[in-house]
N, C-alpha and C. Protein backbone atom coordinates (compact mmCIF):
# COMPACT_ATOMS: atom_id res chain seq x y z
N MET A 1 12.79 46.79 -51.02
CA MET A 1 13.45 47.39 -49.68
C MET A 1 14.68 48.06 -50.48
N TYR A 2 14.87 49.14 -49.71
CA TYR A 2 16.01 50.28 -49.98
C TYR A 2 17.16 49.93 -49.06
N THR A 3 18.24 49.48 -49.73
CA THR A 3 19.34 49.51 -49.01
C THR A 3 20.55 50.62 -49.15
N MET A 4 20.98 51.44 -48.39
CA MET A 4 21.95 52.36 -48.51
C MET A 4 23.12 51.66 -48.19
N TYR A 5 24.26 51.63 -48.86
CA TYR A 5 25.73 51.68 -48.91
C TYR A 5 26.57 52.73 -48.50
N MET A 6 27.25 52.64 -47.52
CA MET A 6 28.32 53.77 -47.62
C MET A 6 29.53 53.31 -47.74
N ALA A 7 30.19 54.10 -48.53
CA ALA A 7 31.74 54.02 -48.82
C ALA A 7 32.78 54.33 -47.66
N LEU A 8 33.72 53.35 -47.52
CA LEU A 8 34.78 53.66 -46.40
C LEU A 8 35.70 54.81 -47.07
N HIS A 9 36.14 55.53 -46.42
CA HIS A 9 37.39 56.49 -46.58
C HIS A 9 38.24 56.21 -45.61
N ILE A 10 39.17 55.88 -46.08
CA ILE A 10 40.80 55.56 -45.34
C ILE A 10 41.74 56.60 -45.41
N THR A 11 41.88 57.53 -44.27
CA THR A 11 42.53 58.40 -44.08
C THR A 11 44.08 58.36 -43.98
N ASN A 12 44.32 57.05 -43.48
CA ASN A 12 45.65 56.54 -43.12
C ASN A 12 46.38 55.98 -44.57
N PRO A 13 47.39 56.87 -45.01
CA PRO A 13 48.26 56.53 -46.14
C PRO A 13 48.79 55.26 -46.17
N GLU A 14 49.37 54.67 -44.94
CA GLU A 14 50.06 53.57 -44.48
C GLU A 14 49.03 52.40 -44.70
N VAL A 15 47.84 52.35 -44.30
CA VAL A 15 46.60 51.62 -44.12
C VAL A 15 45.98 51.34 -45.76
N GLU A 16 45.89 52.32 -46.40
CA GLU A 16 45.29 52.41 -47.84
C GLU A 16 46.47 51.55 -48.73
N GLN A 17 47.63 51.86 -48.43
CA GLN A 17 48.76 51.16 -49.06
C GLN A 17 48.55 49.79 -48.77
N LYS A 18 48.35 49.42 -47.78
CA LYS A 18 48.39 47.60 -47.11
C LYS A 18 47.10 47.13 -47.62
N VAL A 19 46.11 47.92 -48.04
CA VAL A 19 44.91 47.42 -48.44
C VAL A 19 45.43 47.06 -50.11
N ARG A 20 45.95 48.30 -50.89
CA ARG A 20 46.06 47.70 -51.91
C ARG A 20 47.09 46.69 -52.49
N ASN A 21 48.22 46.96 -51.43
CA ASN A 21 49.18 45.49 -51.46
C ASN A 21 48.40 44.44 -51.30
N MET A 22 47.39 44.29 -50.62
CA MET A 22 46.84 42.85 -50.33
C MET A 22 45.85 42.53 -51.60
N ALA A 23 45.08 43.37 -52.16
CA ALA A 23 44.39 43.16 -53.10
C ALA A 23 45.00 42.66 -54.52
N SER A 24 46.43 43.53 -54.51
CA SER A 24 47.03 42.71 -55.47
C SER A 24 47.92 41.58 -55.42
N ILE A 25 48.00 41.22 -54.24
CA ILE A 25 48.47 39.96 -54.05
C ILE A 25 47.81 38.71 -54.23
N THR A 26 46.46 39.21 -53.47
CA THR A 26 45.33 38.19 -53.93
C THR A 26 44.77 38.15 -55.17
N GLY A 27 44.78 39.15 -55.89
CA GLY A 27 44.03 39.09 -57.05
C GLY A 27 42.83 39.64 -57.14
N GLU A 28 42.41 40.46 -55.98
CA GLU A 28 40.97 40.70 -55.81
C GLU A 28 40.92 42.14 -55.79
N SER A 29 39.60 42.53 -55.95
CA SER A 29 39.33 43.68 -55.78
C SER A 29 39.81 44.47 -54.41
N ILE A 30 39.85 45.44 -54.12
CA ILE A 30 40.05 46.36 -53.22
C ILE A 30 38.72 46.05 -52.34
N THR A 31 37.48 46.25 -52.74
CA THR A 31 36.45 45.60 -51.86
C THR A 31 36.29 44.21 -51.30
N GLU A 32 37.06 43.51 -52.16
CA GLU A 32 36.63 42.07 -51.99
C GLU A 32 37.82 41.41 -50.97
N ALA A 33 38.86 42.31 -51.29
CA ALA A 33 40.04 42.31 -50.14
C ALA A 33 39.65 42.58 -48.79
N ILE A 34 39.18 43.98 -48.62
CA ILE A 34 38.70 44.22 -47.62
C ILE A 34 37.59 43.36 -46.73
N GLY A 35 36.72 43.11 -47.49
CA GLY A 35 35.88 41.88 -46.87
C GLY A 35 36.28 40.70 -46.57
N ALA A 36 37.04 40.36 -47.30
CA ALA A 36 37.95 38.63 -46.72
C ALA A 36 38.55 39.18 -45.65
N ALA A 37 39.37 40.32 -45.53
CA ALA A 37 40.25 40.58 -44.25
C ALA A 37 39.07 40.53 -42.94
N ALA A 38 38.14 41.28 -43.17
CA ALA A 38 37.03 41.46 -42.01
C ALA A 38 36.64 40.20 -41.77
N ASP A 39 36.35 39.31 -42.81
CA ASP A 39 35.54 37.92 -42.20
C ASP A 39 36.56 36.99 -41.71
N GLU A 40 38.01 37.13 -41.89
CA GLU A 40 38.89 36.27 -41.18
C GLU A 40 39.07 36.88 -39.98
N ARG A 41 39.28 38.14 -39.64
CA ARG A 41 39.28 38.89 -38.36
C ARG A 41 38.22 38.57 -37.34
N ILE A 42 37.02 38.71 -38.01
CA ILE A 42 35.84 38.26 -37.21
C ILE A 42 36.08 36.70 -36.59
N ALA A 43 36.19 35.86 -37.38
CA ALA A 43 36.00 34.50 -37.14
C ALA A 43 37.22 34.30 -36.16
N ARG A 44 38.12 34.85 -36.01
CA ARG A 44 39.57 34.74 -35.36
C ARG A 44 38.66 35.67 -34.00
N ALA A 45 38.01 36.65 -33.77
CA ALA A 45 37.51 37.14 -32.73
C ALA A 45 36.60 36.48 -32.00
N LEU A 46 35.74 35.67 -32.61
CA LEU A 46 34.85 35.01 -32.20
C LEU A 46 35.20 33.94 -31.14
N PRO A 47 34.41 33.45 -30.10
CA PRO A 47 35.16 32.56 -29.06
C PRO A 47 34.72 31.10 -29.75
N GLY A 48 36.15 30.46 -29.96
CA GLY A 48 36.05 29.42 -30.40
C GLY A 48 36.15 29.46 -32.13
N GLY A 49 36.35 30.86 -32.54
CA GLY A 49 36.07 30.89 -34.13
C GLY A 49 34.94 30.40 -34.96
N MET A 50 34.84 30.85 -35.84
CA MET A 50 33.72 30.40 -36.63
C MET A 50 33.54 28.95 -37.15
N LYS A 51 32.68 27.96 -36.21
CA LYS A 51 32.47 26.76 -36.58
C LYS A 51 31.31 26.47 -37.60
N ALA A 52 31.77 25.11 -38.17
CA ALA A 52 30.77 25.04 -39.15
C ALA A 52 29.42 24.43 -38.66
N PRO A 53 28.37 24.70 -38.93
CA PRO A 53 27.14 24.09 -38.27
C PRO A 53 27.24 22.26 -38.29
N THR A 54 26.82 21.81 -37.51
CA THR A 54 26.73 20.33 -37.18
C THR A 54 25.85 19.68 -37.92
N PRO A 55 25.96 18.56 -38.84
CA PRO A 55 24.80 18.53 -39.91
C PRO A 55 24.21 17.37 -38.58
N SER A 56 22.64 17.38 -39.31
CA SER A 56 21.47 16.69 -38.74
C SER A 56 22.11 15.26 -39.03
N VAL A 57 21.29 14.16 -38.37
CA VAL A 57 21.45 12.87 -38.50
C VAL A 57 20.67 12.34 -40.09
N GLU A 58 20.00 13.12 -40.20
CA GLU A 58 19.04 13.03 -41.61
C GLU A 58 20.32 13.36 -42.53
N GLU A 59 20.72 14.55 -42.42
CA GLU A 59 21.57 15.04 -43.48
C GLU A 59 22.73 14.19 -43.88
N VAL A 60 23.11 13.24 -42.63
CA VAL A 60 24.41 12.47 -42.80
C VAL A 60 24.06 11.16 -43.57
N GLN A 61 22.75 10.57 -43.37
CA GLN A 61 22.52 9.76 -43.85
C GLN A 61 22.21 10.07 -45.38
N ALA A 62 21.63 11.18 -45.62
CA ALA A 62 21.35 11.45 -47.27
C ALA A 62 22.86 11.33 -47.79
N LEU A 63 23.63 11.96 -47.45
CA LEU A 63 25.33 11.97 -47.67
C LEU A 63 25.45 10.58 -47.97
N ILE A 64 25.25 9.75 -47.08
CA ILE A 64 25.84 8.16 -47.37
C ILE A 64 24.93 7.73 -48.20
N ARG A 65 23.84 7.91 -48.48
CA ARG A 65 23.05 7.31 -49.42
C ARG A 65 23.31 7.60 -50.94
N SER A 66 23.87 8.89 -50.68
CA SER A 66 24.04 9.61 -52.29
C SER A 66 25.31 8.79 -52.82
N PHE A 67 26.08 7.91 -52.16
CA PHE A 67 27.01 7.18 -52.80
C PHE A 67 26.86 6.18 -53.30
N ASN A 68 27.29 5.98 -54.64
CA ASN A 68 27.37 4.79 -55.40
C ASN A 68 28.28 3.66 -54.73
N LEU A 69 27.92 3.13 -53.54
CA LEU A 69 28.89 2.21 -53.33
C LEU A 69 29.10 0.86 -53.99
N GLN A 70 29.94 0.44 -54.59
CA GLN A 70 29.94 -1.06 -55.32
C GLN A 70 31.41 -1.82 -54.43
N PRO A 71 31.10 -3.21 -54.47
CA PRO A 71 32.12 -4.02 -53.85
C PRO A 71 33.52 -3.62 -54.68
N ILE A 72 34.85 -3.69 -53.78
CA ILE A 72 36.00 -3.29 -54.38
C ILE A 72 36.92 -4.88 -54.28
N ASN A 73 37.45 -5.10 -55.32
CA ASN A 73 38.07 -6.48 -55.41
C ASN A 73 37.23 -7.69 -55.07
N GLU A 74 35.97 -7.82 -55.78
CA GLU A 74 34.99 -8.68 -55.36
C GLU A 74 35.59 -10.15 -56.08
N ASP A 75 36.41 -9.96 -57.07
CA ASP A 75 36.78 -11.15 -57.74
C ASP A 75 38.06 -11.74 -56.73
N LEU A 76 38.75 -11.13 -55.57
CA LEU A 76 39.62 -11.74 -54.58
C LEU A 76 39.15 -12.40 -53.79
N THR A 77 40.00 -13.64 -53.52
CA THR A 77 39.63 -14.39 -52.05
C THR A 77 39.99 -13.53 -51.12
N ASP A 78 39.58 -14.10 -49.73
CA ASP A 78 39.98 -13.35 -48.62
C ASP A 78 41.22 -13.45 -48.40
N ASP A 79 41.91 -14.49 -48.78
CA ASP A 79 43.66 -14.73 -48.75
C ASP A 79 44.11 -13.51 -49.47
N GLU A 80 43.84 -13.53 -50.91
CA GLU A 80 44.09 -12.30 -51.77
C GLU A 80 44.12 -11.05 -51.09
N ILE A 81 42.94 -10.68 -50.82
CA ILE A 81 42.69 -9.21 -50.09
C ILE A 81 43.47 -9.00 -49.14
N LEU A 82 43.70 -10.10 -48.16
CA LEU A 82 44.84 -9.68 -47.07
C LEU A 82 46.23 -9.75 -47.37
N GLY A 83 46.42 -9.86 -48.71
CA GLY A 83 47.96 -9.73 -49.09
C GLY A 83 48.63 -11.36 -49.50
N TYR A 84 47.64 -12.37 -49.04
CA TYR A 84 48.43 -13.80 -49.16
C TYR A 84 48.31 -14.42 -50.68
N GLY A 85 49.49 -14.75 -51.26
CA GLY A 85 49.44 -15.22 -52.70
C GLY A 85 49.76 -16.70 -52.69
N PRO A 86 50.12 -17.39 -53.67
CA PRO A 86 50.46 -18.71 -53.77
C PRO A 86 51.76 -18.86 -53.17
N GLU A 87 52.64 -17.96 -53.18
CA GLU A 87 54.12 -18.12 -52.29
C GLU A 87 54.07 -17.63 -51.08
N GLY A 88 52.82 -17.39 -50.50
CA GLY A 88 53.01 -16.78 -49.09
C GLY A 88 52.34 -15.25 -49.18
N PHE A 89 53.09 -14.40 -47.90
CA PHE A 89 52.57 -13.07 -47.92
C PHE A 89 53.57 -12.19 -48.83
N CYS A 90 52.56 -11.47 -49.42
CA CYS A 90 53.23 -10.63 -50.85
C CYS A 90 53.20 -9.19 -50.15
N GLU A 91 54.21 -8.55 -50.64
CA GLU A 91 54.26 -7.11 -50.15
C GLU A 91 53.90 -6.12 -51.22
């Protein structure tokens, strides 16, 4: 499949300078800066902004299973976990 791209032609010198300044500040190319600015503007213009898709139950369960959960402080007594020591409550 052949895709044709057409370059933008900015005829307003003030707008061109703004784009060049934006690219300089962000460290992006002019094309990247314009693309990022367009993405941000589109996100603000959409109702409710661009929302991340809601993960399915299966995706959440897979994420939980991916964690290598290990007991924490398993050598401590229940009182020590709550902050109680030989002299009472410790901060």
